[in-house]
Amino acid sequence: MLMASQTAPWTIEQRDRLPDDGNRYEVVYGELFLTPAPSVRHELVVRRLIEFVNVFASRHGLGTAFGSSTEVYLETQNVVMPDLVVFPLAEALLPARWRDMPTPILVAEVSSPETWRRDAAAKRSAYLAGNIADYWIVDHEECTVTVVRPGREDEQVTETLRWSPRATDAVLEIPLAEVFR
């Protein structure tokens, strides 16, 4: 495994030159994050969330949902690979490159013991600075979701997760018991 020994801040261009070894590499404010393959439970939670969100986003013309192989570029120095992201474009209008995508309207990270600190700190800061309207930190071990929105107190949800993007009056209600079953 390649180990990061660099002390200068990492750039997106340097990250792009790393070998394709099956790991996910992200750069957040000059720090390189390596994320190994997720657990089966993690992927099940991600899949269930995507199913709920994608049906809702499509039905209301809000955009398209993607999973964890998606790159999101925030400002000039950050590239992350969230577990769930919704871009405010219909499939037919999506650009060919991740780098050319508009600002997402929703991002979610399903935290694990290895990633919770970066999800709750560095990535949280990057998502807020990148004007992401809704950021969900999903804890599949505690069966909770922390909803982060700019200018508001974080909200911890344990039963029904509600999402109502600014572009619609509709509300998606996700029963967390179904997500965490």
C-alpha atoms as a PDB file:
ATOM      1  CA  MET A   1       0.000   0.000   0.000  1.00  0.00           C
ATOM      2  CA  LEU A   2       1.245   3.480  -0.846  1.00  0.00           C
ATOM      3  CA  MET A   3       1.809   5.555   2.274  1.00  0.00           C
ATOM      4  CA  ALA A   4       1.609   9.338   2.198  1.00  0.00           C
ATOM      5  CA  SER A   5       4.877  10.794   3.451  1.00  0.00           C
ATOM      6  CA  GLN A   6       4.535  14.278   2.036  1.00  0.00           C
ATOM      7  CA  THR A   7       4.467  17.189   4.482  1.00  0.00           C
ATOM      8  CA  ALA A   8       3.437  19.921   2.031  1.00  0.00           C
ATOM      9  CA  PRO A   9      -0.294  20.216   1.330  1.00  0.00           C
ATOM     10  CA  TRP A  10      -1.646  17.769  -1.220  1.00  0.00           C
ATOM     11  CA  THR A  11      -3.249  19.052  -4.414  1.00  0.00           C
ATOM     12  CA  ILE A  12      -5.942  17.489  -6.542  1.00  0.00           C
ATOM     13  CA  GLU A  13      -3.409  17.111  -9.348  1.00  0.00           C
ATOM     14  CA  GLN A  14      -1.079  15.108  -7.091  1.00  0.00           C
ATOM     15  CA  ARG A  15      -3.972  12.910  -5.989  1.00  0.00           C
ATOM     16  CA  ASP A  16      -4.851  12.280  -9.637  1.00  0.00           C
ATOM     17  CA  ARG A  17      -1.345  10.860 -10.199  1.00  0.00           C
ATOM     18  CA  LEU A  18      -1.693   8.200  -7.464  1.00  0.00           C
ATOM     19  CA  PRO A  19      -1.970   4.606  -8.724  1.00  0.00           C
ATOM     20  CA  ASP A  20      -5.383   3.058  -9.221  1.00  0.00           C
ATOM     21  CA  ASP A  21      -5.170   0.552  -6.358  1.00  0.00           C
ATOM     22  CA  GLY A  22      -8.856   0.180  -5.504  1.00  0.00           C
ATOM     23  CA  ASN A  23      -8.794   2.693  -2.648  1.00  0.00           C
ATOM     24  CA  ARG A  24     -10.617   6.011  -2.531  1.00  0.00           C
ATOM     25  CA  TYR A  25      -8.366   9.060  -2.222  1.00  0.00           C
ATOM     26  CA  GLU A  26      -9.730  12.468  -1.290  1.00  0.00           C
ATOM     27  CA  VAL A  27      -8.050  15.827  -0.730  1.00  0.00           C
ATOM     28  CA  VAL A  28      -9.606  18.173   1.818  1.00  0.00           C
ATOM     29  CA  TYR A  29      -7.791  21.423   2.587  1.00  0.00           C
ATOM     30  CA  GLY A  30      -4.461  19.907   1.558  1.00  0.00           C
ATOM     31  CA  GLU A  31      -4.851  16.692   3.567  1.00  0.00           C
ATOM     32  CA  LEU A  32      -4.901  13.386   1.706  1.00  0.00           C
ATOM     33  CA  PHE A  33      -7.482  10.916   2.977  1.00  0.00           C
ATOM     34  CA  LEU A  34      -7.344   7.227   2.095  1.00  0.00           C
ATOM     35  CA  THR A  35     -10.530   5.239   2.519  1.00  0.00           C
ATOM     36  CA  PRO A  36     -10.409   1.453   2.162  1.00  0.00           C
ATOM     37  CA  ALA A  37     -13.303  -0.569   0.791  1.00  0.00           C
ATOM     38  CA  PRO A  38     -16.485  -0.187   2.876  1.00  0.00           C
ATOM     39  CA  SER A  39     -18.212  -2.939   4.835  1.00  0.00           C
ATOM     40  CA  VAL A  40     -21.231  -4.813   3.518  1.00  0.00           C
ATOM     41  CA  ARG A  41     -23.535  -3.090   6.038  1.00  0.00           C
ATOM     42  CA  HIS A  42     -22.180   0.308   4.994  1.00  0.00           C
ATOM     43  CA  GLU A  43     -22.988  -0.405   1.353  1.00  0.00           C
ATOM     44  CA  LEU A  44     -26.494  -1.646   2.190  1.00  0.00           C
ATOM     45  CA  VAL A  45     -27.242   1.596   4.043  1.00  0.00           C
ATOM     46  CA  VAL A  46     -25.874   3.644   1.133  1.00  0.00           C
ATOM     47  CA  ARG A  47     -27.955   1.677  -1.384  1.00  0.00           C
ATOM     48  CA  ARG A  48     -31.168   2.118   0.616  1.00  0.00           C
ATOM     49  CA  LEU A  49     -30.597   5.865   0.964  1.00  0.00           C
ATOM     50  CA  ILE A  50     -29.904   6.221  -2.760  1.00  0.00           C
ATOM     51  CA  GLU A  51     -33.115   4.348  -3.582  1.00  0.00           C
ATOM     52  CA  PHE A  52     -35.219   6.716  -1.471  1.00  0.00           C
ATOM     53  CA  VAL A  53     -33.459   9.875  -2.632  1.00  0.00           C
ATOM     54  CA  ASN A  54     -33.226   9.062  -6.329  1.00  0.00           C
ATOM     55  CA  VAL A  55     -36.938   8.251  -6.695  1.00  0.00           C
ATOM     56  CA  PHE A  56     -37.853  11.507  -4.921  1.00  0.00           C
ATOM     57  CA  ALA A  57     -35.336  13.637  -6.858  1.00  0.00           C
ATOM     58  CA  SER A  58     -36.465  12.203 -10.195  1.00  0.00           C
ATOM     59  CA  ARG A  59     -40.175  12.538  -9.413  1.00  0.00           C
ATOM     60  CA  HIS A  60     -39.799  16.215  -8.470  1.00  0.00           C
ATOM     61  CA  GLY A  61     -37.281  17.178 -11.157  1.00  0.00           C
ATOM     62  CA  LEU A  62     -34.584  17.946  -8.584  1.00  0.00           C
ATOM     63  CA  GLY A  63     -31.686  16.139 -10.188  1.00  0.00           C
ATOM     64  CA  THR A  64     -29.819  12.858 -10.184  1.00  0.00           C
ATOM     65  CA  ALA A  65     -28.440  10.826  -7.269  1.00  0.00           C
ATOM     66  CA  PHE A  66     -25.118   8.999  -7.378  1.00  0.00           C
ATOM     67  CA  GLY A  67     -23.202   6.675  -5.065  1.00  0.00           C
ATOM     68  CA  SER A  68     -19.723   6.439  -3.641  1.00  0.00           C
ATOM     69  CA  SER A  69     -17.647   6.390  -6.838  1.00  0.00           C
ATOM     70  CA  THR A  70     -18.660   9.994  -7.512  1.00  0.00           C
ATOM     71  CA  GLU A  71     -16.172  12.847  -7.256  1.00  0.00           C
ATOM     72  CA  VAL A  72     -17.295  16.215  -5.933  1.00  0.00           C
ATOM     73  CA  TYR A  73     -15.025  19.210  -6.470  1.00  0.00           C
ATOM     74  CA  LEU A  74     -15.361  21.917  -3.815  1.00  0.00           C
ATOM     75  CA  GLU A  75     -13.541  25.190  -4.212  1.00  0.00           C
ATOM     76  CA  THR A  76     -10.158  24.742  -5.898  1.00  0.00           C
ATOM     77  CA  GLN A  77      -8.399  22.554  -3.339  1.00  0.00           C
ATOM     78  CA  ASN A  78     -10.954  19.902  -2.348  1.00  0.00           C
ATOM     79  CA  VAL A  79     -12.122  16.734  -4.045  1.00  0.00           C
ATOM     80  CA  VAL A  80     -14.236  14.264  -2.090  1.00  0.00           C
ATOM     81  CA  MET A  81     -16.061  11.031  -2.822  1.00  0.00           C
ATOM     82  CA  PRO A  82     -19.239  11.052  -0.730  1.00  0.00           C
ATOM     83  CA  ASP A  83     -21.404   7.989  -0.314  1.00  0.00           C
ATOM     84  CA  LEU A  84     -24.451   9.773  -1.730  1.00  0.00           C
ATOM     85  CA  VAL A  85     -24.657  12.951  -3.777  1.00  0.00           C
ATOM     86  CA  VAL A  86     -27.473  14.659  -5.658  1.00  0.00           C
ATOM     87  CA  PHE A  87     -26.573  17.003  -8.499  1.00  0.00           C
ATOM     88  CA  PRO A  88     -29.326  19.413  -9.600  1.00  0.00           C
ATOM     89  CA  LEU A  89     -29.416  18.208 -13.205  1.00  0.00           C
ATOM     90  CA  ALA A  90     -31.513  15.657 -15.047  1.00  0.00           C
ATOM     91  CA  GLU A  91     -29.579  12.708 -16.474  1.00  0.00           C
ATOM     92  CA  ALA A  92     -29.822  14.084 -20.023  1.00  0.00           C
ATOM     93  CA  LEU A  93     -28.048  17.301 -18.978  1.00  0.00           C
ATOM     94  CA  LEU A  94     -25.158  15.801 -17.013  1.00  0.00           C
ATOM     95  CA  PRO A  95     -21.668  16.772 -18.196  1.00  0.00           C
ATOM     96  CA  ALA A  96     -19.128  14.098 -19.121  1.00  0.00           C
ATOM     97  CA  ARG A  97     -16.686  14.854 -16.282  1.00  0.00           C
ATOM     98  CA  TRP A  98     -17.245  14.999 -12.498  1.00  0.00           C
ATOM     99  CA  ARG A  99     -15.138  18.152 -12.399  1.00  0.00           C
ATOM    100  CA  ASP A 100     -17.792  19.939 -14.505  1.00  0.00           C
ATOM    101  CA  MET A 101     -20.751  19.082 -12.266  1.00  0.00           C
ATOM    102  CA  PRO A 102     -22.684  21.863 -10.535  1.00  0.00           C
ATOM    103  CA  THR A 103     -22.739  22.230  -6.761  1.00  0.00           C
ATOM    104  CA  PRO A 104     -24.658  19.315  -5.244  1.00  0.00           C
ATOM    105  CA  ILE A 105     -27.909  19.944  -3.386  1.00  0.00           C
ATOM    106  CA  LEU A 106     -27.350  16.987  -1.044  1.00  0.00           C
ATOM    107  CA  VAL A 107     -24.320  15.064   0.154  1.00  0.00           C
ATOM    108  CA  ALA A 108     -24.269  12.148   2.598  1.00  0.00           C
ATOM    109  CA  GLU A 109     -21.437  10.291   4.259  1.00  0.00           C
ATOM    110  CA  VAL A 110     -22.065   6.954   5.946  1.00  0.00           C
ATOM    111  CA  SER A 111     -19.486   7.053   8.712  1.00  0.00           C
ATOM    112  CA  SER A 112     -17.433   4.179   9.993  1.00  0.00           C
ATOM    113  CA  PRO A 113     -15.008   4.055  12.919  1.00  0.00           C
ATOM    114  CA  GLU A 114     -12.230   4.869  10.429  1.00  0.00           C
ATOM    115  CA  THR A 115     -13.981   7.861   8.812  1.00  0.00           C
ATOM    116  CA  TRP A 116     -16.259   9.497  11.393  1.00  0.00           C
ATOM    117  CA  ARG A 117     -13.697  12.083  12.491  1.00  0.00           C
ATOM    118  CA  ARG A 118     -13.044  13.385   8.979  1.00  0.00           C
ATOM    119  CA  ASP A 119     -16.776  13.254   8.130  1.00  0.00           C
ATOM    120  CA  ALA A 120     -17.664  15.340  11.210  1.00  0.00           C
ATOM    121  CA  ALA A 121     -14.747  17.783  10.958  1.00  0.00           C
ATOM    122  CA  ALA A 122     -12.764  18.319   7.741  1.00  0.00           C
ATOM    123  CA  LYS A 123     -15.461  17.216   5.316  1.00  0.00           C
ATOM    124  CA  ARG A 124     -18.167  19.044   7.261  1.00  0.00           C
ATOM    125  CA  SER A 125     -16.158  22.258   6.930  1.00  0.00           C
ATOM    126  CA  ALA A 126     -15.559  21.682   3.229  1.00  0.00           C
ATOM    127  CA  TYR A 127     -19.235  20.973   2.528  1.00  0.00           C
ATOM    128  CA  LEU A 128     -20.352  24.074   4.419  1.00  0.00           C
ATOM    129  CA  ALA A 129     -17.740  26.229   2.667  1.00  0.00           C
ATOM    130  CA  GLY A 130     -18.788  24.690  -0.666  1.00  0.00           C
ATOM    131  CA  ASN A 131     -22.399  25.851  -0.140  1.00  0.00           C
ATOM    132  CA  ILE A 132     -23.867  22.358   0.079  1.00  0.00           C
ATOM    133  CA  ALA A 133     -27.453  22.929   1.220  1.00  0.00           C
ATOM    134  CA  ASP A 134     -27.826  19.593   3.014  1.00  0.00           C
ATOM    135  CA  TYR A 135     -25.149  17.299   4.435  1.00  0.00           C
ATOM    136  CA  TRP A 136     -26.089  14.073   6.197  1.00  0.00           C
ATOM    137  CA  ILE A 137     -23.644  12.268   8.472  1.00  0.00           C
ATOM    138  CA  VAL A 138     -25.081   8.779   8.740  1.00  0.00           C
ATOM    139  CA  ASP A 139     -24.037   6.604  11.676  1.00  0.00           C
ATOM    140  CA  HIS A 140     -25.153   3.077  10.823  1.00  0.00           C
ATOM    141  CA  GLU A 141     -23.885   1.704  14.136  1.00  0.00           C
ATOM    142  CA  GLU A 142     -25.923   4.140  16.263  1.00  0.00           C
ATOM    143  CA  CYS A 143     -28.763   4.268  13.692  1.00  0.00           C
ATOM    144  CA  THR A 144     -28.774   8.071  13.585  1.00  0.00           C
ATOM    145  CA  VAL A 145     -28.355  10.799  10.989  1.00  0.00           C
ATOM    146  CA  THR A 146     -26.902  14.210  11.755  1.00  0.00           C
ATOM    147  CA  VAL A 147     -28.309  16.817   9.369  1.00  0.00           C
ATOM    148  CA  VAL A 148     -25.948  19.723   8.709  1.00  0.00           C
ATOM    149  CA  ARG A 149     -27.194  22.880   6.980  1.00  0.00           C
ATOM    150  CA  PRO A 150     -25.452  26.237   6.590  1.00  0.00           C
ATOM    151  CA  GLY A 151     -26.511  28.788   9.195  1.00  0.00           C
ATOM    152  CA  ARG A 152     -28.498  26.292  11.284  1.00  0.00           C
ATOM    153  CA  GLU A 153     -27.860  24.113  14.283  1.00  0.00           C
ATOM    154  CA  ASP A 154     -27.112  20.491  13.468  1.00  0.00           C
ATOM    155  CA  GLU A 155     -30.086  18.198  13.910  1.00  0.00           C
ATOM    156  CA  GLN A 156     -29.777  14.592  15.045  1.00  0.00           C
ATOM    157  CA  VAL A 157     -32.478  12.328  13.614  1.00  0.00           C
ATOM    158  CA  THR A 158     -33.351   8.889  14.965  1.00  0.00           C
ATOM    159  CA  GLU A 159     -36.740   8.057  13.424  1.00  0.00           C
ATOM    160  CA  THR A 160     -37.800   9.881  10.235  1.00  0.00           C
ATOM    161  CA  LEU A 161     -35.296  11.761   8.094  1.00  0.00           C
ATOM    162  CA  ARG A 162     -36.943  14.630   6.196  1.00  0.00           C
ATOM    163  CA  TRP A 163     -35.496  16.326   3.131  1.00  0.00           C
ATOM    164  CA  SER A 164     -37.150  19.294   1.461  1.00  0.00           C
ATOM    165  CA  PRO A 165     -34.818  20.969  -1.052  1.00  0.00           C
ATOM    166  CA  ARG A 166     -35.350  24.653  -1.773  1.00  0.00           C
ATOM    167  CA  ALA A 167     -36.494  23.910  -5.329  1.00  0.00           C
ATOM    168  CA  THR A 168     -39.683  22.176  -4.182  1.00  0.00           C
ATOM    169  CA  ASP A 169     -42.351  22.252  -1.520  1.00  0.00           C
ATOM    170  CA  ALA A 170     -42.364  18.447  -1.467  1.00  0.00           C
ATOM    171  CA  VAL A 171     -40.874  16.603   1.500  1.00  0.00           C
ATOM    172  CA  LEU A 172     -39.111  13.271   1.322  1.00  0.00           C
ATOM    173  CA  GLU A 173     -39.650  11.251   4.478  1.00  0.00           C
ATOM    174  CA  ILE A 174     -37.245   8.378   5.020  1.00  0.00           C
ATOM    175  CA  PRO A 175     -38.075   5.972   7.836  1.00  0.00           C
ATOM    176  CA  LEU A 176     -34.657   5.253   9.329  1.00  0.00           C
ATOM    177  CA  ALA A 177     -35.817   1.847  10.576  1.00  0.00           C
ATOM    178  CA  GLU A 178     -35.973   0.824   6.885  1.00  0.00           C
ATOM    179  CA  VAL A 179     -32.539   2.242   6.141  1.00  0.00           C
ATOM    180  CA  PHE A 180     -30.849   0.588   9.132  1.00  0.00           C
ATOM    181  CA  ARG A 181     -32.706  -2.768   9.103  1.00  0.00           C
END
